Amino acid sequence: MGRPKDQKFWEYVEGIGNHLKCKFCGNVFKGSPSISRIKSHLAGIPGQGIQICNRVPDDVKEAALEAIQGANKRRKTMRSSSNNEVYNPISRQQNHEVEDEERMQMEVQDIEQQVGEAGTSFLFEMEDNVENHVGQSVQFVETKGEKLLTTKLKGAEFEAHIKEIYSCLRDDDNVSKVGIYGLGGVGKTELAKHVNNELLRTPSPFHHVYWVTVSPDFSIHKLQDTIARMVNLDLSSVDDKHIRAARLFEVLKDKNFVLILDDMWNYVPLEMVGIPDNMKRCKLVLTTRSLNVCRKMDCQKNIKPRRAAPSPASRARGVPRVSCQGSTVDASQTSVPSSH
């Protein structure tokens, strides 16, 4: 990502989980930082939420600063400066002499005039948009989760439900929770398993898909432990429910993921578990027998699969036809559709 001559600055960061860390000071960049933010971190130019590096070698700092100045000159008319002039705007040493401090302050002002707040903001926004968009092609292949065994079900409506749920998760920012409800044996879990596998099989913006079977003996403590194991978080020594939720939230908040909760019998307060409620980064799919559970969970899209009537041939053999039909219910719909 970034211009070819800027590639060298990627050498000064290293991956740590889903984030990048500065090799000099250990600062962890949030999200997927653009090369402009990394250069500003190394050059010592604050602003836009950037933490400056206080351990970067002088030659790296100077190179980063020169790269930033060159990028801004291409976007904005600036007054010319000497090619031999070297800027060193930021220093964290506490025992500077007075004249050095004054010189540094003058140089900071000089650079701010050349770069300009508007120019810097424009640079950050443009490179963030371009590079993060390009970076999605890398994130798509990082989707992780457990592929589940499924039955090859037939039925156009069943296939349509898979596509509809997948589209809601991937493309619809107005849908963060999808409920799949209906009587036992109609194919709720099977539908959710197909969605799980589809998310792992095809490109999506999610890095992780987490599958959790809730079961009737559900407890928030048990659910926290299950999710914590999936994200390599040890909560075994923590008993306080609020601390457990806070620690789980800190791990999950920066992840792009889909959480599938299968076989829910009751309402689960996500904030008490520690599950972020972010419509773009965190999405939820749940299966339950009760439409009321879907509504209490604030599902924006509710889907009711139903098993089709067996064909005469299958009835004659005594073997039910494996098929699935269904209906879709928006959150605004108040009546439960009947199944026939």
C-alpha atoms as a PDB file:
ATOM      1  CA  MET A   1       0.000   0.000   0.000  1.00  0.00           C
ATOM      2  CA  GLY A   2       1.107   3.585  -0.529  1.00  0.00           C
ATOM      3  CA  ARG A   3       3.553   5.035  -3.006  1.00  0.00           C
ATOM      4  CA  PRO A   4       6.595   2.892  -3.893  1.00  0.00           C
ATOM      5  CA  LYS A   5       9.076   5.172  -2.147  1.00  0.00           C
ATOM      6  CA  ASP A   6       7.003   4.964   1.034  1.00  0.00           C
ATOM      7  CA  GLN A   7       7.238   1.178   1.231  1.00  0.00           C
ATOM      8  CA  LYS A   8      10.314   1.388   3.455  1.00  0.00           C
ATOM      9  CA  PHE A   9       8.247   2.821   6.300  1.00  0.00           C
ATOM     10  CA  TRP A  10       6.282  -0.430   6.574  1.00  0.00           C
ATOM     11  CA  GLU A  11       9.581  -1.988   7.700  1.00  0.00           C
ATOM     12  CA  TYR A  12       9.355  -0.018  10.957  1.00  0.00           C
ATOM     13  CA  VAL A  13       6.104  -1.674  12.077  1.00  0.00           C
ATOM     14  CA  GLU A  14       5.274  -5.281  12.817  1.00  0.00           C
ATOM     15  CA  GLY A  15       2.059  -7.244  13.153  1.00  0.00           C
ATOM     16  CA  ILE A  16       0.590  -8.029  16.559  1.00  0.00           C
ATOM     17  CA  GLY A  17      -2.721  -9.859  16.263  1.00  0.00           C
ATOM     18  CA  ASN A  18      -4.924  -7.775  13.968  1.00  0.00           C
ATOM     19  CA  HIS A  19      -2.944  -4.598  14.634  1.00  0.00           C
ATOM     20  CA  LEU A  20       0.423  -3.055  13.788  1.00  0.00           C
ATOM     21  CA  LYS A  21       3.056  -2.035  16.329  1.00  0.00           C
ATOM     22  CA  CYS A  22       5.959   0.409  16.028  1.00  0.00           C
ATOM     23  CA  LYS A  23       9.265  -1.448  16.300  1.00  0.00           C
ATOM     24  CA  PHE A  24      10.924   1.507  18.028  1.00  0.00           C
ATOM     25  CA  CYS A  25       8.515   2.552  20.785  1.00  0.00           C
ATOM     26  CA  GLY A  26       5.972  -0.291  20.835  1.00  0.00           C
ATOM     27  CA  ASN A  27       2.982   1.948  20.062  1.00  0.00           C
ATOM     28  CA  VAL A  28       0.039  -0.108  18.773  1.00  0.00           C
ATOM     29  CA  PHE A  29      -1.889   1.503  15.935  1.00  0.00           C
ATOM     30  CA  LYS A  30      -5.662   1.154  16.116  1.00  0.00           C
ATOM     31  CA  GLY A  31      -7.481  -0.383  13.190  1.00  0.00           C
ATOM     32  CA  SER A  32      -5.678  -0.516   9.844  1.00  0.00           C
ATOM     33  CA  PRO A  33      -3.406   2.551   9.773  1.00  0.00           C
ATOM     34  CA  SER A  34      -2.495   4.205   6.488  1.00  0.00           C
ATOM     35  CA  ILE A  35       1.127   4.829   5.593  1.00  0.00           C
ATOM     36  CA  SER A  36       0.550   8.547   6.221  1.00  0.00           C
ATOM     37  CA  ARG A  37      -0.224   7.878   9.882  1.00  0.00           C
ATOM     38  CA  ILE A  38       2.830   5.701  10.271  1.00  0.00           C
ATOM     39  CA  LYS A  39       5.014   8.390   8.693  1.00  0.00           C
ATOM     40  CA  SER A  40       3.552  11.073  10.971  1.00  0.00           C
ATOM     41  CA  HIS A  41       4.128   8.834  13.993  1.00  0.00           C
ATOM     42  CA  LEU A  42       7.782   8.438  13.003  1.00  0.00           C
ATOM     43  CA  ALA A  43       8.232  12.087  11.993  1.00  0.00           C
ATOM     44  CA  GLY A  44       6.863  13.342  15.292  1.00  0.00           C
ATOM     45  CA  ILE A  45       3.898  15.234  13.864  1.00  0.00           C
ATOM     46  CA  PRO A  46       0.963  15.018  16.302  1.00  0.00           C
ATOM     47  CA  GLY A  47      -2.717  15.466  15.573  1.00  0.00           C
ATOM     48  CA  GLN A  48      -5.533  13.313  14.173  1.00  0.00           C
ATOM     49  CA  GLY A  49      -5.159  10.984  17.166  1.00  0.00           C
ATOM     50  CA  ILE A  50      -1.539  10.151  16.303  1.00  0.00           C
ATOM     51  CA  GLN A  51       0.866   9.159  19.078  1.00  0.00           C
ATOM     52  CA  ILE A  52       4.367  10.354  18.224  1.00  0.00           C
ATOM     53  CA  CYS A  53       7.373   8.056  18.543  1.00  0.00           C
ATOM     54  CA  ASN A  54       9.968   9.099  21.120  1.00  0.00           C
ATOM     55  CA  ARG A  55      12.524   6.423  20.239  1.00  0.00           C
ATOM     56  CA  VAL A  56      12.778   6.734  16.481  1.00  0.00           C
ATOM     57  CA  PRO A  57      16.336   7.216  15.108  1.00  0.00           C
ATOM     58  CA  ASP A  58      17.042  10.687  13.714  1.00  0.00           C
ATOM     59  CA  ASP A  59      17.605   9.460  10.160  1.00  0.00           C
ATOM     60  CA  VAL A  60      14.255   7.646  10.112  1.00  0.00           C
ATOM     61  CA  LYS A  61      12.486  10.683  11.570  1.00  0.00           C
ATOM     62  CA  GLU A  62      14.021  12.974   8.967  1.00  0.00           C
ATOM     63  CA  ALA A  63      13.134  10.605   6.124  1.00  0.00           C
ATOM     64  CA  ALA A  64       9.523  10.361   7.323  1.00  0.00           C
ATOM     65  CA  LEU A  65       9.244  14.130   7.629  1.00  0.00           C
ATOM     66  CA  GLU A  66      10.656  14.688   4.156  1.00  0.00           C
ATOM     67  CA  ALA A  67       8.200  12.140   2.738  1.00  0.00           C
ATOM     68  CA  ILE A  68       5.266  13.957   4.359  1.00  0.00           C
ATOM     69  CA  GLN A  69       6.425  17.331   3.078  1.00  0.00           C
ATOM     70  CA  GLY A  70       6.775  15.970  -0.429  1.00  0.00           C
ATOM     71  CA  ALA A  71       3.294  14.413  -0.340  1.00  0.00           C
ATOM     72  CA  ASN A  72       1.678  17.643   0.784  1.00  0.00           C
ATOM     73  CA  LYS A  73       3.532  19.731  -1.801  1.00  0.00           C
ATOM     74  CA  ARG A  74       1.894  17.640  -4.500  1.00  0.00           C
ATOM     75  CA  ARG A  75      -1.553  18.441  -3.096  1.00  0.00           C
ATOM     76  CA  LYS A  76      -1.190  22.062  -2.111  1.00  0.00           C
ATOM     77  CA  THR A  77       0.810  25.048  -3.304  1.00  0.00           C
ATOM     78  CA  MET A  78       3.444  25.790  -0.689  1.00  0.00           C
ATOM     79  CA  ARG A  79       6.240  28.225  -0.350  1.00  0.00           C
ATOM     80  CA  SER A  80       9.558  26.769  -1.449  1.00  0.00           C
ATOM     81  CA  SER A  81      12.158  25.639   1.027  1.00  0.00           C
ATOM     82  CA  SER A  82      15.828  24.857   0.761  1.00  0.00           C
ATOM     83  CA  ASN A  83      16.745  21.316  -0.209  1.00  0.00           C
ATOM     84  CA  ASN A  84      19.502  21.440   2.363  1.00  0.00           C
ATOM     85  CA  GLU A  85      17.173  22.453   5.201  1.00  0.00           C
ATOM     86  CA  VAL A  86      16.643  19.645   7.711  1.00  0.00           C
ATOM     87  CA  TYR A  87      13.687  19.726  10.089  1.00  0.00           C
ATOM     88  CA  ASN A  88      13.558  18.039  13.451  1.00  0.00           C
ATOM     89  CA  PRO A  89      10.272  19.269  14.923  1.00  0.00           C
ATOM     90  CA  ILE A  90       9.739  17.056  17.913  1.00  0.00           C
ATOM     91  CA  SER A  91      12.037  16.052  20.736  1.00  0.00           C
ATOM     92  CA  ARG A  92      11.138  14.483  24.040  1.00  0.00           C
ATOM     93  CA  GLN A  93      14.428  15.063  25.863  1.00  0.00           C
ATOM     94  CA  GLN A  94      13.904  17.075  29.029  1.00  0.00           C
ATOM     95  CA  ASN A  95      17.276  18.875  29.305  1.00  0.00           C
ATOM     96  CA  HIS A  96      17.491  20.886  26.105  1.00  0.00           C
ATOM     97  CA  GLU A  97      19.311  24.160  26.229  1.00  0.00           C
ATOM     98  CA  VAL A  98      17.164  27.263  25.850  1.00  0.00           C
ATOM     99  CA  GLU A  99      18.400  28.087  22.369  1.00  0.00           C
ATOM    100  CA  ASP A 100      17.692  24.561  21.171  1.00  0.00           C
ATOM    101  CA  GLU A 101      14.147  24.741  22.501  1.00  0.00           C
ATOM    102  CA  GLU A 102      13.547  28.072  20.792  1.00  0.00           C
ATOM    103  CA  ARG A 103      14.949  26.748  17.534  1.00  0.00           C
ATOM    104  CA  MET A 104      12.731  23.690  17.714  1.00  0.00           C
ATOM    105  CA  GLN A 105       9.636  25.796  18.350  1.00  0.00           C
ATOM    106  CA  MET A 106      10.400  27.960  15.323  1.00  0.00           C
ATOM    107  CA  GLU A 107      10.887  24.907  13.150  1.00  0.00           C
ATOM    108  CA  VAL A 108       7.599  23.390  14.320  1.00  0.00           C
ATOM    109  CA  GLN A 109       5.788  26.586  13.381  1.00  0.00           C
ATOM    110  CA  ASP A 110       7.543  26.622  10.012  1.00  0.00           C
ATOM    111  CA  ILE A 111       6.491  23.063   9.239  1.00  0.00           C
ATOM    112  CA  GLU A 112       2.915  23.657  10.363  1.00  0.00           C
ATOM    113  CA  GLN A 113       2.701  26.568   7.980  1.00  0.00           C
ATOM    114  CA  GLN A 114       3.964  24.440   5.098  1.00  0.00           C
ATOM    115  CA  VAL A 115       1.879  21.370   5.789  1.00  0.00           C
ATOM    116  CA  GLY A 116      -1.227  23.196   6.973  1.00  0.00           C
ATOM    117  CA  GLU A 117      -3.946  21.629   9.032  1.00  0.00           C
ATOM    118  CA  ALA A 118      -6.284  21.317   6.074  1.00  0.00           C
ATOM    119  CA  GLY A 119      -3.635  19.722   3.916  1.00  0.00           C
ATOM    120  CA  THR A 120      -2.750  17.202   6.599  1.00  0.00           C
ATOM    121  CA  SER A 121      -6.386  16.317   7.236  1.00  0.00           C
ATOM    122  CA  PHE A 122      -6.982  15.909   3.516  1.00  0.00           C
ATOM    123  CA  LEU A 123      -3.942  13.673   3.210  1.00  0.00           C
ATOM    124  CA  PHE A 124      -5.035  11.473   6.109  1.00  0.00           C
ATOM    125  CA  GLU A 125      -8.610  11.154   4.898  1.00  0.00           C
ATOM    126  CA  MET A 126      -7.648  10.425   1.308  1.00  0.00           C
ATOM    127  CA  GLU A 127      -4.957   7.859   2.108  1.00  0.00           C
ATOM    128  CA  ASP A 128      -7.097   6.223   4.802  1.00  0.00           C
ATOM    129  CA  ASN A 129      -9.958   5.808   2.329  1.00  0.00           C
ATOM    130  CA  VAL A 130      -7.777   4.535  -0.501  1.00  0.00           C
ATOM    131  CA  GLU A 131      -5.455   2.296   1.494  1.00  0.00           C
ATOM    132  CA  ASN A 132      -8.085   0.857   3.796  1.00  0.00           C
ATOM    133  CA  HIS A 133     -10.234   0.089   0.743  1.00  0.00           C
ATOM    134  CA  VAL A 134      -7.303  -1.667  -0.895  1.00  0.00           C
ATOM    135  CA  GLY A 135      -6.544  -3.404   2.394  1.00  0.00           C
ATOM    136  CA  GLN A 136      -9.965  -5.028   2.408  1.00  0.00           C
ATOM    137  CA  SER A 137      -8.778  -7.443  -0.256  1.00  0.00           C
ATOM    138  CA  VAL A 138      -6.208  -8.664   2.263  1.00  0.00           C
ATOM    139  CA  GLN A 139      -8.695  -8.763   5.145  1.00  0.00           C
ATOM    140  CA  PHE A 140     -11.125 -10.833   3.071  1.00  0.00           C
ATOM    141  CA  VAL A 141      -8.750 -13.797   3.041  1.00  0.00           C
ATOM    142  CA  GLU A 142      -8.214 -13.595   6.803  1.00  0.00           C
ATOM    143  CA  THR A 143     -11.723 -14.758   7.708  1.00  0.00           C
ATOM    144  CA  LYS A 144     -11.330 -17.410  10.383  1.00  0.00           C
ATOM    145  CA  GLY A 145     -13.730 -19.784  12.031  1.00  0.00           C
ATOM    146  CA  GLU A 146     -14.826 -23.391  12.196  1.00  0.00           C
ATOM    147  CA  LYS A 147     -16.378 -24.927   9.092  1.00  0.00           C
ATOM    148  CA  LEU A 148     -19.377 -26.954  10.189  1.00  0.00           C
ATOM    149  CA  LEU A 149     -20.857 -30.175   8.847  1.00  0.00           C
ATOM    150  CA  THR A 150     -24.077 -29.524   6.984  1.00  0.00           C
ATOM    151  CA  THR A 151     -26.837 -31.453   5.257  1.00  0.00           C
ATOM    152  CA  LYS A 152     -27.400 -30.698   1.602  1.00  0.00           C
ATOM    153  CA  LEU A 153     -30.872 -29.271   1.844  1.00  0.00           C
ATOM    154  CA  LYS A 154     -33.024 -28.579  -1.177  1.00  0.00           C
ATOM    155  CA  GLY A 155     -35.464 -25.801  -1.766  1.00  0.00           C
ATOM    156  CA  ALA A 156     -35.311 -22.455  -3.494  1.00  0.00           C
ATOM    157  CA  GLU A 157     -36.554 -20.617  -0.411  1.00  0.00           C
ATOM    158  CA  PHE A 158     -33.837 -22.132   1.740  1.00  0.00           C
ATOM    159  CA  GLU A 159     -31.182 -20.969  -0.715  1.00  0.00           C
ATOM    160  CA  ALA A 160     -32.841 -17.558  -0.808  1.00  0.00           C
ATOM    161  CA  HIS A 161     -32.650 -17.328   2.985  1.00  0.00           C
ATOM    162  CA  ILE A 162     -28.918 -18.053   2.926  1.00  0.00           C
ATOM    163  CA  LYS A 163     -28.350 -15.323   0.363  1.00  0.00           C
ATOM    164  CA  GLU A 164     -30.575 -12.874   2.224  1.00  0.00           C
ATOM    165  CA  ILE A 165     -28.821 -13.377   5.556  1.00  0.00           C
ATOM    166  CA  TYR A 166     -25.402 -13.220   3.936  1.00  0.00           C
ATOM    167  CA  SER A 167     -26.333  -9.995   2.162  1.00  0.00           C
ATOM    168  CA  CYS A 168     -27.608  -8.439   5.400  1.00  0.00           C
ATOM    169  CA  LEU A 169     -24.389  -9.294   7.191  1.00  0.00           C
ATOM    170  CA  ARG A 170     -22.035  -8.212   4.465  1.00  0.00           C
ATOM    171  CA  ASP A 171     -23.738  -5.283   2.732  1.00  0.00           C
ATOM    172  CA  ASP A 172     -26.486  -3.791   4.912  1.00  0.00           C
ATOM    173  CA  ASP A 173     -25.250  -1.326   7.538  1.00  0.00           C
ATOM    174  CA  ASN A 174     -28.816  -1.005   8.834  1.00  0.00           C
ATOM    175  CA  VAL A 175     -28.925  -4.647   9.914  1.00  0.00           C
ATOM    176  CA  SER A 176     -26.687  -5.723  12.775  1.00  0.00           C
ATOM    177  CA  LYS A 177     -28.777  -8.625  14.112  1.00  0.00           C
ATOM    178  CA  VAL A 178     -30.568 -11.390  12.227  1.00  0.00           C
ATOM    179  CA  GLY A 179     -32.970 -13.752  13.961  1.00  0.00           C
ATOM    180  CA  ILE A 180     -33.857 -17.227  12.679  1.00  0.00           C
ATOM    181  CA  TYR A 181     -36.894 -18.590  14.517  1.00  0.00           C
ATOM    182  CA  GLY A 182     -39.418 -21.402  14.315  1.00  0.00           C
ATOM    183  CA  LEU A 183     -40.448 -24.746  15.764  1.00  0.00           C
ATOM    184  CA  GLY A 184     -37.928 -27.466  16.441  1.00  0.00           C
ATOM    185  CA  GLY A 185     -36.803 -29.438  13.425  1.00  0.00           C
ATOM    186  CA  VAL A 186     -37.620 -26.850  10.759  1.00  0.00           C
ATOM    187  CA  GLY A 187     -33.980 -26.213   9.879  1.00  0.00           C
ATOM    188  CA  LYS A 188     -32.960 -23.170  11.970  1.00  0.00           C
ATOM    189  CA  THR A 189     -29.595 -24.546  13.012  1.00  0.00           C
ATOM    190  CA  GLU A 190     -28.963 -25.998   9.570  1.00  0.00           C
ATOM    191  CA  LEU A 191     -29.635 -22.618   7.981  1.00  0.00           C
ATOM    192  CA  ALA A 192     -27.280 -20.908  10.436  1.00  0.00           C
ATOM    193  CA  LYS A 193     -24.566 -23.498   9.743  1.00  0.00           C
ATOM    194  CA  HIS A 194     -24.811 -22.843   6.014  1.00  0.00           C
ATOM    195  CA  VAL A 195     -24.483 -19.104   6.687  1.00  0.00           C
ATOM    196  CA  ASN A 196     -21.427 -19.806   8.862  1.00  0.00           C
ATOM    197  CA  ASN A 197     -19.764 -21.785   6.084  1.00  0.00           C
ATOM    198  CA  GLU A 198     -20.717 -19.248   3.422  1.00  0.00           C
ATOM    199  CA  LEU A 199     -19.007 -16.490   5.414  1.00  0.00           C
ATOM    200  CA  LEU A 200     -15.854 -18.606   5.556  1.00  0.00           C
ATOM    201  CA  ARG A 201     -16.027 -19.638   1.907  1.00  0.00           C
ATOM    202  CA  THR A 202     -16.631 -16.313   0.165  1.00  0.00           C
ATOM    203  CA  PRO A 203     -15.063 -12.850   0.522  1.00  0.00           C
ATOM    204  CA  SER A 204     -16.506 -10.805   3.370  1.00  0.00           C
ATOM    205  CA  PRO A 205     -15.366  -7.868   5.505  1.00  0.00           C
ATOM    206  CA  PHE A 206     -15.296 -10.035   8.631  1.00  0.00           C
ATOM    207  CA  HIS A 207     -12.072 -11.416  10.043  1.00  0.00           C
ATOM    208  CA  HIS A 208     -13.752 -13.935  12.318  1.00  0.00           C
ATOM    209  CA  VAL A 209     -16.912 -16.014  12.542  1.00  0.00           C
ATOM    210  CA  TYR A 210     -17.669 -17.354  16.022  1.00  0.00           C
ATOM    211  CA  TRP A 211     -20.197 -20.161  16.527  1.00  0.00           C
ATOM    212  CA  VAL A 212     -21.654 -20.693  20.006  1.00  0.00           C
ATOM    213  CA  THR A 213     -24.339 -23.215  20.969  1.00  0.00           C
ATOM    214  CA  VAL A 214     -26.211 -21.563  23.835  1.00  0.00           C
ATOM    215  CA  SER A 215     -28.477 -24.440  25.013  1.00  0.00           C
ATOM    216  CA  PRO A 216     -31.199 -24.339  27.711  1.00  0.00           C
ATOM    217  CA  ASP A 217     -28.752 -24.344  30.668  1.00  0.00           C
ATOM    218  CA  PHE A 218     -27.334 -21.025  29.472  1.00  0.00           C
ATOM    219  CA  SER A 219     -25.637 -18.562  31.826  1.00  0.00           C
ATOM    220  CA  ILE A 220     -23.849 -15.301  31.080  1.00  0.00           C
ATOM    221  CA  HIS A 221     -20.768 -16.632  32.880  1.00  0.00           C
ATOM    222  CA  LYS A 222     -20.680 -19.740  30.687  1.00  0.00           C
ATOM    223  CA  LEU A 223     -21.248 -17.719  27.508  1.00  0.00           C
ATOM    224  CA  GLN A 224     -18.398 -15.375  28.450  1.00  0.00           C
ATOM    225  CA  ASP A 225     -16.072 -18.327  28.993  1.00  0.00           C
ATOM    226  CA  THR A 226     -16.987 -19.859  25.634  1.00  0.00           C
ATOM    227  CA  ILE A 227     -16.388 -16.659  23.665  1.00  0.00           C
ATOM    228  CA  ALA A 228     -13.243 -15.853  25.663  1.00  0.00           C
ATOM    229  CA  ARG A 229     -11.680 -19.185  24.680  1.00  0.00           C
ATOM    230  CA  MET A 230     -12.338 -18.396  21.021  1.00  0.00           C
ATOM    231  CA  VAL A 231     -10.422 -15.111  21.261  1.00  0.00           C
ATOM    232  CA  ASN A 232      -7.631 -16.561  23.452  1.00  0.00           C
ATOM    233  CA  LEU A 233      -8.703 -14.602  26.531  1.00  0.00           C
ATOM    234  CA  ASP A 234      -8.291 -16.213  29.950  1.00  0.00           C
ATOM    235  CA  LEU A 235     -11.103 -15.275  32.337  1.00  0.00           C
ATOM    236  CA  SER A 236     -10.659 -18.243  34.668  1.00  0.00           C
ATOM    237  CA  SER A 237      -9.294 -16.106  37.511  1.00  0.00           C
ATOM    238  CA  VAL A 238     -11.940 -13.377  37.212  1.00  0.00           C
ATOM    239  CA  ASP A 239     -15.244 -13.817  39.031  1.00  0.00           C
ATOM    240  CA  ASP A 240     -16.736 -10.324  38.910  1.00  0.00           C
ATOM    241  CA  LYS A 241     -19.242 -10.211  36.042  1.00  0.00           C
ATOM    242  CA  HIS A 242     -18.571  -6.547  35.272  1.00  0.00           C
ATOM    243  CA  ILE A 243     -14.800  -7.018  35.029  1.00  0.00           C
ATOM    244  CA  ARG A 244     -15.270 -10.123  32.887  1.00  0.00           C
ATOM    245  CA  ALA A 245     -17.552  -8.219  30.530  1.00  0.00           C
ATOM    246  CA  ALA A 246     -15.133  -5.283  30.326  1.00  0.00           C
ATOM    247  CA  ARG A 247     -12.155  -7.500  29.489  1.00  0.00           C
ATOM    248  CA  LEU A 248     -14.069  -9.393  26.832  1.00  0.00           C
ATOM    249  CA  PHE A 249     -15.319  -6.123  25.344  1.00  0.00           C
ATOM    250  CA  GLU A 250     -11.754  -4.755  25.096  1.00  0.00           C
ATOM    251  CA  VAL A 251     -10.702  -7.774  23.044  1.00  0.00           C
ATOM    252  CA  LEU A 252     -13.748  -7.788  20.777  1.00  0.00           C
ATOM    253  CA  LYS A 253     -14.261  -4.075  20.163  1.00  0.00           C
ATOM    254  CA  ASP A 254     -11.603  -3.745  17.449  1.00  0.00           C
ATOM    255  CA  LYS A 255     -12.496  -6.969  15.640  1.00  0.00           C
ATOM    256  CA  ASN A 256     -14.662  -7.339  12.548  1.00  0.00           C
ATOM    257  CA  PHE A 257     -16.682 -10.460  13.305  1.00  0.00           C
ATOM    258  CA  VAL A 258     -19.974 -12.308  13.102  1.00  0.00           C
ATOM    259  CA  LEU A 259     -21.209 -14.065  16.231  1.00  0.00           C
ATOM    260  CA  ILE A 260     -23.708 -16.888  15.695  1.00  0.00           C
ATOM    261  CA  LEU A 261     -25.669 -17.890  18.817  1.00  0.00           C
ATOM    262  CA  ASP A 262     -27.492 -21.155  18.169  1.00  0.00           C
ATOM    263  CA  ASP A 263     -30.463 -22.436  20.173  1.00  0.00           C
ATOM    264  CA  MET A 264     -31.249 -19.387  22.295  1.00  0.00           C
ATOM    265  CA  TRP A 265     -34.145 -19.856  24.697  1.00  0.00           C
ATOM    266  CA  ASN A 266     -34.139 -16.482  26.403  1.00  0.00           C
ATOM    267  CA  TYR A 267     -33.075 -12.872  25.939  1.00  0.00           C
ATOM    268  CA  VAL A 268     -29.336 -12.264  26.404  1.00  0.00           C
ATOM    269  CA  PRO A 269     -28.185  -8.718  27.315  1.00  0.00           C
ATOM    270  CA  LEU A 270     -25.135  -8.278  25.088  1.00  0.00           C
ATOM    271  CA  GLU A 271     -23.647  -5.498  27.215  1.00  0.00           C
ATOM    272  CA  MET A 272     -23.605  -7.768  30.269  1.00  0.00           C
ATOM    273  CA  VAL A 273     -21.719 -10.409  28.296  1.00  0.00           C
ATOM    274  CA  GLY A 274     -19.214  -7.924  26.865  1.00  0.00           C
ATOM    275  CA  ILE A 275     -20.290  -8.185  23.220  1.00  0.00           C
ATOM    276  CA  PRO A 276     -19.973  -4.883  21.303  1.00  0.00           C
ATOM    277  CA  ASP A 277     -23.103  -3.614  19.618  1.00  0.00           C
ATOM    278  CA  ASN A 278     -21.471  -2.081  16.535  1.00  0.00           C
ATOM    279  CA  MET A 279     -23.501  -2.275  13.365  1.00  0.00           C
ATOM    280  CA  LYS A 280     -20.531  -2.310  11.009  1.00  0.00           C
ATOM    281  CA  ARG A 281     -17.855  -4.247  12.878  1.00  0.00           C
ATOM    282  CA  CYS A 282     -19.892  -6.704  14.958  1.00  0.00           C
ATOM    283  CA  LYS A 283     -22.950  -8.556  13.688  1.00  0.00           C
ATOM    284  CA  LEU A 284     -25.098 -11.184  15.337  1.00  0.00           C
ATOM    285  CA  VAL A 285     -27.062 -14.161  14.021  1.00  0.00           C
ATOM    286  CA  LEU A 286     -29.241 -16.102  16.451  1.00  0.00           C
ATOM    287  CA  THR A 287     -31.526 -19.111  16.233  1.00  0.00           C
ATOM    288  CA  THR A 288     -34.458 -19.553  18.598  1.00  0.00           C
ATOM    289  CA  ARG A 289     -37.908 -21.094  18.767  1.00  0.00           C
ATOM    290  CA  SER A 290     -39.432 -17.789  19.818  1.00  0.00           C
ATOM    291  CA  LEU A 291     -40.020 -14.701  17.706  1.00  0.00           C
ATOM    292  CA  ASN A 292     -40.295 -12.833  21.012  1.00  0.00           C
ATOM    293  CA  VAL A 293     -36.614 -13.575  21.712  1.00  0.00           C
ATOM    294  CA  CYS A 294     -35.701 -12.104  18.322  1.00  0.00           C
ATOM    295  CA  ARG A 295     -37.659  -8.968  19.130  1.00  0.00           C
ATOM    296  CA  LYS A 296     -36.129  -8.582  22.589  1.00  0.00           C
ATOM    297  CA  MET A 297     -32.686  -8.930  20.995  1.00  0.00           C
ATOM    298  CA  ASP A 298     -33.616  -6.072  18.617  1.00  0.00           C
ATOM    299  CA  CYS A 299     -33.140  -8.156  15.481  1.00  0.00           C
ATOM    300  CA  GLN A 300     -33.745  -5.953  12.454  1.00  0.00           C
ATOM    301  CA  LYS A 301     -34.359  -8.977  10.211  1.00  0.00           C
ATOM    302  CA  ASN A 302     -36.262 -12.084  11.329  1.00  0.00           C
ATOM    303  CA  ILE A 303     -36.531 -15.210   9.196  1.00  0.00           C
ATOM    304  CA  LYS A 304     -38.823 -18.188   9.781  1.00  0.00           C
ATOM    305  CA  PRO A 305     -37.797 -21.338   7.901  1.00  0.00           C
ATOM    306  CA  ARG A 306     -40.304 -24.147   7.616  1.00  0.00           C
ATOM    307  CA  ARG A 307     -40.040 -27.692   6.397  1.00  0.00           C
ATOM    308  CA  ALA A 308     -41.910 -28.404   3.197  1.00  0.00           C
ATOM    309  CA  ALA A 309     -44.535 -31.121   3.089  1.00  0.00           C
ATOM    310  CA  PRO A 310     -43.034 -34.461   2.013  1.00  0.00           C
ATOM    311  CA  SER A 311     -43.637 -35.573  -1.533  1.00  0.00           C
ATOM    312  CA  PRO A 312     -45.944 -38.561  -2.200  1.00  0.00           C
ATOM    313  CA  ALA A 313     -42.940 -40.664  -3.182  1.00  0.00           C
ATOM    314  CA  SER A 314     -41.093 -39.928   0.035  1.00  0.00           C
ATOM    315  CA  ARG A 315     -44.224 -40.582   2.104  1.00  0.00           C
ATOM    316  CA  ALA A 316     -44.557 -43.938   0.402  1.00  0.00           C
ATOM    317  CA  ARG A 317     -41.006 -44.800   1.392  1.00  0.00           C
ATOM    318  CA  GLY A 318     -41.524 -43.483   4.893  1.00  0.00           C
ATOM    319  CA  VAL A 319     -38.629 -41.080   4.466  1.00  0.00           C
ATOM    320  CA  PRO A 320     -39.277 -37.345   4.912  1.00  0.00           C
ATOM    321  CA  ARG A 321     -38.160 -35.122   2.109  1.00  0.00           C
ATOM    322  CA  VAL A 322     -35.270 -32.964   3.246  1.00  0.00           C
ATOM    323  CA  SER A 323     -36.294 -29.509   2.218  1.00  0.00           C
ATOM    324  CA  CYS A 324     -36.775 -26.130   3.745  1.00  0.00           C
ATOM    325  CA  GLN A 325     -39.067 -23.254   2.977  1.00  0.00           C
ATOM    326  CA  GLY A 326     -39.805 -20.168   4.964  1.00  0.00           C
ATOM    327  CA  SER A 327     -40.766 -16.546   5.286  1.00  0.00           C
ATOM    328  CA  THR A 328     -39.033 -13.319   6.176  1.00  0.00           C
ATOM    329  CA  VAL A 329     -40.283 -10.965   8.875  1.00  0.00           C
ATOM    330  CA  ASP A 330     -39.013  -7.429   9.315  1.00  0.00           C
ATOM    331  CA  ALA A 331     -38.577  -6.095  12.841  1.00  0.00           C
ATOM    332  CA  SER A 332     -41.513  -3.734  12.276  1.00  0.00           C
ATOM    333  CA  GLN A 333     -43.907  -6.618  11.548  1.00  0.00           C
ATOM    334  CA  THR A 334     -46.031  -7.352  14.592  1.00  0.00           C
ATOM    335  CA  SER A 335     -47.911 -10.488  13.542  1.00  0.00           C
ATOM    336  CA  VAL A 336     -46.296 -13.894  13.383  1.00  0.00           C
ATOM    337  CA  PRO A 337     -46.706 -15.444   9.921  1.00  0.00           C
ATOM    338  CA  SER A 338     -48.439 -18.780   9.933  1.00  0.00           C
ATOM    339  CA  SER A 339     -46.790 -21.860   8.539  1.00  0.00           C
ATOM    340  CA  HIS A 340     -48.654 -24.344   6.404  1.00  0.00           C
END
